[in-house]
Amino acid sequence: MTERILLKALVEELAAVAAAMVGVEPQIKLDVTSDAPVWSLPFTISGSLEGRVVLAVPVTDAAQLTGLMLGFDQPPDDDVVADSFREIAQQVGSAATVKLGPDLKVTVTEPVVSGPPAPAGAEWAVITLGDLLTHVGTWATLTPAKVSPSVPAAAAPPPGMPAPPVRVQGTASTTAPGNLDLILDIELPLWVRFGETAMSMQALAKLGPGATIDLDRAPEDPVDVMVNNTVIARGEVVVVSGNYGVRVTEVVSTTDRIRSMSG
């Protein structure tokens, strides 16, 4: 996994999340450098790469995108923008983790904040959503994951000398640890994310019986099966013995599923 592939995937997932809320097909292309103040969406990377990645959206673009997603007539306050982009960052991290495979995990461990312009080395793209252009900068501080040094092979004994006894050392396993049985009976809350949206306090105050909330999700879209706020699988809604259920169509790796239980 290269840094460029990771950055490209995060921009694509940001475009996909925003497009799902707006209801239009996104377009992405490279853009020129911006020196405007930005909202920063930081991600922690672990796995085959380790470090930190930041997506940056200029303050003006972030306000316009948030207003479009929430249906505001006026530019939203900074608190509303921060809440919206915090949720977007969570979705981008979860989707990118599923998309990039089991050897890489993308998580949000820092707050979304507004501040100075992106650094000079940032790469920029522009996401087109209908008539709205949203500029996105990316930069990263990443290093390959450290690999344990291999044990050198023992030298062959001189002719006529007996071979020394071989001591077998334990090796790291890519499967579940042997003592996993100790915690298999622990119950964890598992929930299904059917859809979600963001609403202003004013809109929430107006909710009443008969109100309809648009979750910005097509009926054929898969739902997310989550543990500890981490997507572990995706599937389709079914009816089982008169109750709702989920038929799993896609799962993340066993390692990531175990990691989510201890997250």
Protein backbone atom coordinates (compact mmCIF):
# COMPACT_ATOMS: atom_id res chain seq x y z
CA MET A 1 0.00 0.00 0.00
CA THR A 2 1.50 3.35 -1.05
CA GLU A 3 0.87 6.77 0.43
CA ARG A 4 -0.60 8.05 -2.84
CA ILE A 5 -3.14 5.21 -3.01
CA LEU A 6 -4.19 5.93 0.58
CA LEU A 7 -4.63 9.67 0.01
CA LYS A 8 -6.58 9.06 -3.20
CA ALA A 9 -8.89 6.60 -1.40
CA LEU A 10 -9.62 9.09 1.40
CA VAL A 11 -10.52 11.85 -1.07
CA GLU A 12 -12.77 9.44 -2.98
CA GLU A 13 -14.55 8.37 0.22
CA LEU A 14 -15.01 12.01 1.27
CA ALA A 15 -16.59 12.69 -2.13
CA ALA A 16 -18.81 9.60 -1.81
CA VAL A 17 -20.08 10.55 1.65
CA ALA A 18 -20.84 14.13 0.62
CA ALA A 19 -22.48 12.99 -2.63
CA ALA A 20 -24.73 10.54 -0.75
CA MET A 21 -26.01 13.37 1.42
CA VAL A 22 -26.46 15.79 -1.48
CA GLY A 23 -27.89 13.23 -3.90
CA VAL A 24 -25.65 13.88 -6.93
CA GLU A 25 -22.79 12.03 -8.59
CA PRO A 26 -19.38 13.47 -7.60
CA GLN A 27 -16.53 14.30 -9.93
CA ILE A 28 -12.91 14.59 -8.77
CA LYS A 29 -9.92 16.19 -10.47
CA LEU A 30 -6.57 17.65 -9.47
CA ASP A 31 -6.52 21.29 -8.42
CA VAL A 32 -4.08 24.10 -7.69
CA THR A 33 -2.69 24.89 -4.26
CA SER A 34 -4.88 26.91 -1.88
CA ASP A 35 -3.63 29.23 0.85
CA ALA A 36 -7.03 29.77 2.52
CA PRO A 37 -7.73 28.79 6.16
CA VAL A 38 -9.03 25.23 6.37
CA TRP A 39 -11.01 22.76 8.41
CA SER A 40 -8.67 19.83 9.13
CA LEU A 41 -9.91 16.23 9.29
CA PRO A 42 -7.07 14.19 10.85
CA PHE A 43 -6.84 10.39 10.59
CA THR A 44 -4.57 7.93 12.36
CA ILE A 45 -3.20 5.19 10.11
CA SER A 46 -2.12 1.78 11.38
CA GLY A 47 -1.19 -1.48 9.72
CA SER A 48 1.16 -1.71 6.74
CA LEU A 49 1.60 2.06 7.04
CA GLU A 50 1.73 3.97 10.30
CA GLY A 51 1.30 7.66 10.99
CA ARG A 52 -1.14 10.47 10.34
CA VAL A 53 -3.09 11.78 7.34
CA VAL A 54 -5.03 15.03 7.16
CA LEU A 55 -7.80 16.03 4.77
CA ALA A 56 -8.28 19.81 4.61
CA VAL A 57 -11.29 21.73 3.29
CA PRO A 58 -11.16 25.53 3.01
CA VAL A 59 -13.41 27.22 5.57
CA THR A 60 -15.65 28.81 2.93
CA ASP A 61 -16.04 25.55 0.99
CA ALA A 62 -16.79 23.64 4.20
CA ALA A 63 -19.58 26.07 5.13
CA GLN A 64 -21.11 25.89 1.66
CA LEU A 65 -20.95 22.08 1.59
CA THR A 66 -22.47 21.79 5.07
CA GLY A 67 -25.26 24.18 4.14
CA LEU A 68 -26.01 22.18 1.01
CA MET A 69 -26.04 18.85 2.85
CA LEU A 70 -28.31 20.15 5.63
CA GLY A 71 -30.54 22.28 3.40
CA PHE A 72 -29.68 25.60 5.06
CA ASP A 73 -30.51 28.89 3.37
CA GLN A 74 -27.84 30.73 5.36
CA PRO A 75 -24.19 29.76 6.03
CA PRO A 76 -24.13 27.52 9.12
CA ASP A 77 -22.25 28.35 12.32
CA ASP A 78 -18.82 26.89 12.95
CA ASP A 79 -20.25 24.48 15.53
CA VAL A 80 -22.60 23.01 12.92
CA VAL A 81 -19.77 22.69 10.39
CA ALA A 82 -17.55 21.00 12.98
CA ASP A 83 -20.28 18.50 13.93
CA SER A 84 -21.01 17.72 10.28
CA PHE A 85 -17.38 17.17 9.34
CA ARG A 86 -16.75 15.14 12.48
CA GLU A 87 -19.45 12.69 11.35
CA ILE A 88 -18.16 12.79 7.77
CA ALA A 89 -14.65 11.96 9.02
CA GLN A 90 -15.99 8.95 10.95
CA GLN A 91 -17.75 7.66 7.85
CA VAL A 92 -14.71 8.26 5.65
CA GLY A 93 -12.47 6.37 8.09
CA SER A 94 -14.84 3.40 8.32
CA ALA A 95 -15.39 3.20 4.56
CA ALA A 96 -11.69 3.59 3.77
CA THR A 97 -10.79 0.79 6.19
CA VAL A 98 -13.20 -1.56 4.43
CA LYS A 99 -12.07 -0.43 0.97
CA LEU A 100 -8.30 -0.62 1.53
CA GLY A 101 -8.30 -4.13 2.94
CA PRO A 102 -7.24 -5.87 6.15
CA ASP A 103 -3.65 -4.59 6.22
CA LEU A 104 -4.61 -0.97 6.88
CA LYS A 105 -6.88 0.75 9.39
CA VAL A 106 -8.04 4.38 9.21
CA THR A 107 -9.43 5.89 12.41
CA VAL A 108 -10.38 9.33 13.70
CA THR A 109 -8.56 9.98 16.97
CA GLU A 110 -8.32 13.78 16.92
CA PRO A 111 -10.98 16.52 16.75
CA VAL A 112 -11.94 18.24 13.52
CA VAL A 113 -10.69 21.82 13.84
CA SER A 114 -10.42 25.01 11.80
CA GLY A 115 -7.10 26.76 11.56
CA PRO A 116 -4.35 28.06 9.31
CA PRO A 117 -3.85 27.09 5.65
CA ALA A 118 -2.58 23.67 4.65
CA PRO A 119 1.22 23.25 4.52
CA ALA A 120 3.08 24.02 1.30
CA GLY A 121 3.53 20.35 0.43
CA ALA A 122 -0.18 19.52 0.46
CA GLU A 123 -1.74 18.05 -2.68
CA TRP A 124 -5.08 19.43 -3.80
CA ALA A 125 -8.13 18.14 -5.62
CA VAL A 126 -11.56 19.59 -6.30
CA ILE A 127 -14.80 17.66 -5.80
CA THR A 128 -17.69 18.79 -8.00
CA LEU A 129 -21.19 18.20 -6.64
CA GLY A 130 -23.63 19.75 -9.07
CA ASP A 131 -22.90 23.48 -9.03
CA LEU A 132 -20.80 23.28 -5.86
CA LEU A 133 -17.01 23.00 -5.97
CA THR A 134 -15.31 21.75 -2.81
CA HIS A 135 -11.52 21.91 -2.65
CA VAL A 136 -9.71 19.22 -0.65
CA GLY A 137 -6.07 19.23 0.39
CA THR A 138 -4.18 16.19 1.67
CA TRP A 139 -0.89 15.67 3.44
CA ALA A 140 0.58 12.82 5.42
CA THR A 141 3.33 11.76 7.78
CA LEU A 142 3.65 8.03 7.20
CA THR A 143 6.25 5.32 7.61
CA PRO A 144 6.13 1.62 6.70
CA ALA A 145 5.19 -0.60 9.61
CA LYS A 146 8.15 -2.06 11.48
CA VAL A 147 8.82 -5.70 10.61
CA SER A 148 10.40 -7.99 13.17
CA PRO A 149 13.84 -9.16 12.00
CA SER A 150 13.97 -12.75 10.86
CA VAL A 151 15.99 -15.30 12.84
CA PRO A 152 19.13 -16.29 10.91
CA ALA A 153 19.46 -19.93 9.97
CA ALA A 154 21.81 -21.99 12.14
CA ALA A 155 25.16 -22.86 10.59
CA ALA A 156 25.67 -26.46 9.52
CA PRO A 157 27.79 -28.52 11.97
CA PRO A 158 31.26 -29.66 10.90
CA PRO A 159 31.46 -33.12 9.30
CA GLY A 160 31.30 -35.89 11.89
CA MET A 161 29.79 -33.68 14.57
CA PRO A 162 26.19 -34.30 15.70
CA ALA A 163 23.71 -31.60 14.90
CA PRO A 164 22.74 -29.46 17.90
CA PRO A 165 19.18 -29.77 19.19
CA VAL A 166 16.76 -27.48 17.43
CA ARG A 167 14.82 -25.06 19.63
CA VAL A 168 11.57 -24.00 18.04
CA GLN A 169 10.56 -20.44 18.86
CA GLY A 170 6.98 -19.26 18.79
CA THR A 171 6.02 -17.18 15.78
CA ALA A 172 3.34 -14.57 15.37
CA SER A 173 0.11 -15.97 14.02
CA THR A 174 -2.12 -14.22 11.56
CA THR A 175 -5.14 -16.01 13.01
CA ALA A 176 -6.91 -15.47 16.31
CA PRO A 177 -4.67 -15.93 19.39
CA GLY A 178 -4.85 -19.26 21.19
CA ASN A 179 -6.23 -17.71 24.37
CA LEU A 180 -9.13 -16.09 22.55
CA ASP A 181 -11.44 -18.72 24.10
CA LEU A 182 -11.14 -16.83 27.39
CA ILE A 183 -13.18 -13.91 26.05
CA LEU A 184 -15.46 -15.56 23.51
CA ASP A 185 -18.39 -15.57 25.96
CA ILE A 186 -18.25 -11.80 26.46
CA GLU A 187 -21.29 -10.12 24.93
CA LEU A 188 -20.74 -7.02 22.81
CA PRO A 189 -23.37 -4.57 21.55
CA LEU A 190 -23.75 -4.98 17.80
CA TRP A 191 -25.79 -2.45 15.90
CA VAL A 192 -26.82 -1.89 12.32
CA ARG A 193 -26.49 1.53 10.73
CA PHE A 194 -29.45 1.74 8.37
CA GLY A 195 -28.88 5.40 7.60
CA GLU A 196 -28.06 8.68 9.22
CA THR A 197 -28.35 12.40 8.79
CA ALA A 198 -27.56 15.62 10.63
CA MET A 199 -30.21 18.05 11.84
CA SER A 200 -30.10 21.46 13.42
CA MET A 201 -31.44 22.00 16.92
CA GLN A 202 -34.25 24.03 15.39
CA ALA A 203 -35.27 21.13 13.13
CA LEU A 204 -35.10 18.68 16.04
CA ALA A 205 -37.34 20.91 18.12
CA LYS A 206 -39.97 20.85 15.36
CA LEU A 207 -40.14 17.02 15.15
CA GLY A 208 -43.48 15.49 15.95
CA PRO A 209 -45.69 12.51 15.12
CA GLY A 210 -45.94 12.09 11.37
CA ALA A 211 -42.64 13.87 10.64
CA THR A 212 -40.41 12.29 8.00
CA ILE A 213 -36.62 12.18 8.33
CA ASP A 214 -34.62 11.68 5.13
CA LEU A 215 -31.68 9.35 5.81
CA ASP A 216 -30.06 9.98 2.40
CA ARG A 217 -29.86 6.28 1.67
CA ALA A 218 -31.18 4.36 -1.32
CA PRO A 219 -33.23 1.21 -0.52
CA GLU A 220 -30.72 -0.99 -2.34
CA ASP A 221 -27.67 0.35 -0.48
CA PRO A 222 -26.04 -2.07 1.99
CA VAL A 223 -26.32 -1.39 5.71
CA ASP A 224 -23.31 -1.26 8.04
CA VAL A 225 -22.92 -3.84 10.81
CA MET A 226 -20.88 -2.21 13.58
CA VAL A 227 -19.17 -3.02 16.87
CA ASN A 228 -17.49 -0.32 18.97
CA ASN A 229 -18.24 2.25 16.27
CA THR A 230 -16.24 0.16 13.78
CA VAL A 231 -17.72 -1.35 10.63
CA ILE A 232 -17.15 -5.12 10.72
CA ALA A 233 -19.49 -6.12 7.89
CA ARG A 234 -22.07 -4.92 5.38
CA GLY A 235 -25.29 -6.56 4.31
CA GLU A 236 -28.88 -6.32 3.19
CA VAL A 237 -31.98 -6.07 5.36
CA VAL A 238 -34.14 -9.23 5.46
CA VAL A 239 -37.07 -10.54 7.50
CA VAL A 240 -36.38 -13.58 9.71
CA SER A 241 -39.33 -15.20 11.51
CA GLY A 242 -41.22 -11.94 11.41
CA ASN A 243 -38.26 -9.90 12.70
CA TYR A 244 -35.78 -7.69 10.90
CA GLY A 245 -32.38 -9.22 10.20
CA VAL A 246 -29.30 -8.61 8.08
CA ARG A 247 -27.90 -10.98 5.47
CA VAL A 248 -24.14 -10.36 5.46
CA THR A 249 -22.70 -9.74 2.00
CA GLU A 250 -19.26 -8.42 2.92
CA VAL A 251 -17.02 -8.80 6.00
CA VAL A 252 -13.73 -7.31 7.09
CA SER A 253 -10.80 -9.53 8.07
CA THR A 254 -10.82 -11.66 11.21
CA THR A 255 -7.94 -9.61 12.61
CA ASP A 256 -9.85 -6.35 12.27
CA ARG A 257 -12.98 -7.90 13.75
CA ILE A 258 -11.02 -9.01 16.83
CA ARG A 259 -9.38 -5.60 17.01
CA SER A 260 -12.80 -3.95 17.03
CA MET A 261 -13.80 -6.01 20.08
CA SER A 262 -10.94 -4.50 22.08
CA GLY A 263 -11.26 -0.99 20.67
